Amino acid sequence: QVQLVESGGGLVQAGGSLRLSCVVSGLTFSRNAIGWYRQAPGKQPDMVATISSGGVTNYAESVKGRFTISRDSTKNTVYLQMNSLEPEDTAVYSCNGPGYYRGHYYVTGSYWGQGTQVTVSS
């Protein structure tokens, strides 16, 4: 059974940092792409960042230069380092997999984590 479990969310002031973790089980981690998404209240989920099995990354324009996605195959974990946080980053952050790429476009997999709340105060 595939499971994705997020952690690391919380309340932070604008300009602060958080690191989210997504522990993946039930699939061959090293062979699969994983994505981070976020959903603010009343809005559709948006892709934040994705990482391929080979470590190639892709970011939403709104987080480029502030967020970094990475993966550690020894821990079956994907990280999202978030710096210079803004109130507009407030959302529930969820990881998704196993995804794949159609060209540069990340196609979501069937599994989602439960999400972790990130709240950025001004």
Protein backbone atom coordinates (compact mmCIF):
# COMPACT_ATOMS: atom_id res chain seq x y z
CA GLN A 1 0.00 0.00 0.00
CA VAL A 2 1.39 3.35 -1.04
CA GLN A 3 1.52 5.98 1.68
CA LEU A 4 2.78 9.55 1.74
CA VAL A 5 3.06 11.23 5.13
CA GLU A 6 3.84 14.93 5.44
CA SER A 7 5.20 16.78 8.43
CA GLY A 8 6.88 20.05 9.29
CA GLY A 9 4.11 22.57 8.88
CA GLY A 10 3.35 25.27 11.40
CA LEU A 11 2.93 28.96 12.10
CA VAL A 12 5.74 31.29 11.07
CA GLN A 13 6.17 35.02 10.62
CA ALA A 14 6.66 36.54 7.20
CA GLY A 15 10.28 36.22 6.15
CA GLY A 16 10.74 33.03 8.12
CA SER A 17 11.50 29.48 7.01
CA LEU A 18 10.05 26.00 7.31
CA ARG A 19 11.11 22.61 6.02
CA LEU A 20 8.43 20.13 5.06
CA SER A 21 9.06 16.39 4.80
CA CYS A 22 7.18 13.74 2.85
CA VAL A 23 7.98 10.14 3.77
CA VAL A 24 7.00 7.72 1.02
CA SER A 25 6.36 3.99 1.45
CA GLY A 26 4.89 1.17 -0.58
CA LEU A 27 6.66 1.94 -3.86
CA THR A 28 10.16 1.96 -5.29
CA PHE A 29 11.04 5.46 -4.18
CA SER A 30 14.12 5.88 -6.34
CA ARG A 31 12.15 5.22 -9.55
CA ASN A 32 9.33 7.71 -9.03
CA ALA A 33 8.73 11.42 -9.33
CA ILE A 34 7.11 13.21 -6.39
CA GLY A 35 5.36 16.56 -6.27
CA TRP A 36 4.41 19.11 -3.62
CA TYR A 37 1.08 20.88 -3.99
CA ARG A 38 -0.73 23.45 -1.89
CA GLN A 39 -4.33 24.48 -1.47
CA ALA A 40 -5.45 27.73 0.08
CA PRO A 41 -9.01 28.09 1.41
CA GLY A 42 -11.51 28.47 -1.39
CA LYS A 43 -8.93 27.81 -4.12
CA GLN A 44 -7.90 24.95 -6.35
CA PRO A 45 -4.74 22.97 -5.53
CA ASP A 46 -1.62 24.40 -7.17
CA MET A 47 1.63 22.68 -7.99
CA VAL A 48 4.47 24.08 -5.88
CA ALA A 49 7.46 21.94 -6.88
CA THR A 50 8.23 18.55 -8.38
CA ILE A 51 11.28 16.34 -8.49
CA SER A 52 12.01 13.52 -10.91
CA SER A 53 13.55 10.18 -10.03
CA GLY A 54 16.84 11.58 -11.28
CA GLY A 55 16.61 14.75 -9.21
CA VAL A 56 15.46 17.18 -11.89
CA THR A 57 13.34 19.87 -10.27
CA ASN A 58 10.55 22.16 -11.41
CA TYR A 59 8.94 25.06 -9.53
CA ALA A 60 5.93 27.29 -9.70
CA GLU A 61 6.91 30.82 -10.68
CA SER A 62 5.63 32.19 -7.38
CA VAL A 63 8.15 30.16 -5.33
CA LYS A 64 11.23 30.17 -7.56
CA GLY A 65 14.28 31.37 -5.67
CA ARG A 66 12.56 30.88 -2.30
CA PHE A 67 11.66 27.16 -2.16
CA THR A 68 13.90 24.16 -2.78
CA ILE A 69 12.73 20.59 -3.32
CA SER A 70 15.10 17.70 -2.70
CA ARG A 71 15.02 13.97 -2.12
CA ASP A 72 16.91 11.50 0.04
CA SER A 73 16.65 7.94 -1.23
CA THR A 74 18.23 6.55 1.95
CA LYS A 75 15.22 7.86 3.88
CA ASN A 76 12.52 7.58 1.17
CA THR A 77 11.82 11.24 1.86
CA VAL A 78 11.20 14.32 -0.24
CA TYR A 79 11.81 17.71 1.37
CA LEU A 80 10.50 21.18 0.65
CA GLN A 81 12.69 23.89 2.11
CA MET A 82 10.70 27.14 2.21
CA ASN A 83 12.51 30.41 2.82
CA SER A 84 11.38 34.05 2.76
CA LEU A 85 7.84 32.94 3.44
CA GLU A 86 5.00 35.32 2.61
CA PRO A 87 1.40 35.43 3.87
CA GLU A 88 0.36 34.33 0.37
CA ASP A 89 2.13 31.01 1.01
CA THR A 90 -0.46 30.12 3.66
CA ALA A 91 -2.09 26.83 2.61
CA VAL A 92 -2.32 23.12 3.26
CA TYR A 93 0.71 21.50 1.64
CA SER A 94 0.43 17.93 0.35
CA CYS A 95 2.76 15.62 -1.48
CA ASN A 96 1.73 13.48 -4.43
CA GLY A 97 3.04 10.41 -6.19
CA PRO A 98 4.07 8.40 -7.98
CA GLY A 99 4.03 11.01 -10.73
CA TYR A 100 5.64 11.09 -14.14
CA TYR A 101 6.54 13.69 -16.71
CA ARG A 102 4.91 14.33 -20.04
CA GLY A 103 7.59 16.57 -21.47
CA HIS A 104 8.15 19.19 -18.75
CA TYR A 105 4.66 18.73 -17.35
CA TYR A 106 4.26 16.70 -14.14
CA VAL A 107 1.32 14.32 -14.25
CA THR A 108 -0.03 13.62 -10.78
CA GLY A 109 -0.01 10.12 -9.36
CA SER A 110 -2.87 8.41 -7.62
CA TYR A 111 -1.74 8.94 -4.06
CA TRP A 112 -1.82 11.98 -1.79
CA GLY A 113 -0.70 12.58 1.74
CA GLN A 114 -3.01 13.98 4.39
CA GLY A 115 -1.44 17.43 4.17
CA THR A 116 0.28 19.74 6.61
CA GLN A 117 -0.87 23.28 7.39
CA VAL A 118 1.48 26.19 6.78
CA THR A 119 0.39 29.55 8.12
CA VAL A 120 2.45 32.68 7.52
CA SER A 121 1.56 35.73 9.58
CA SER A 122 2.26 39.27 8.42
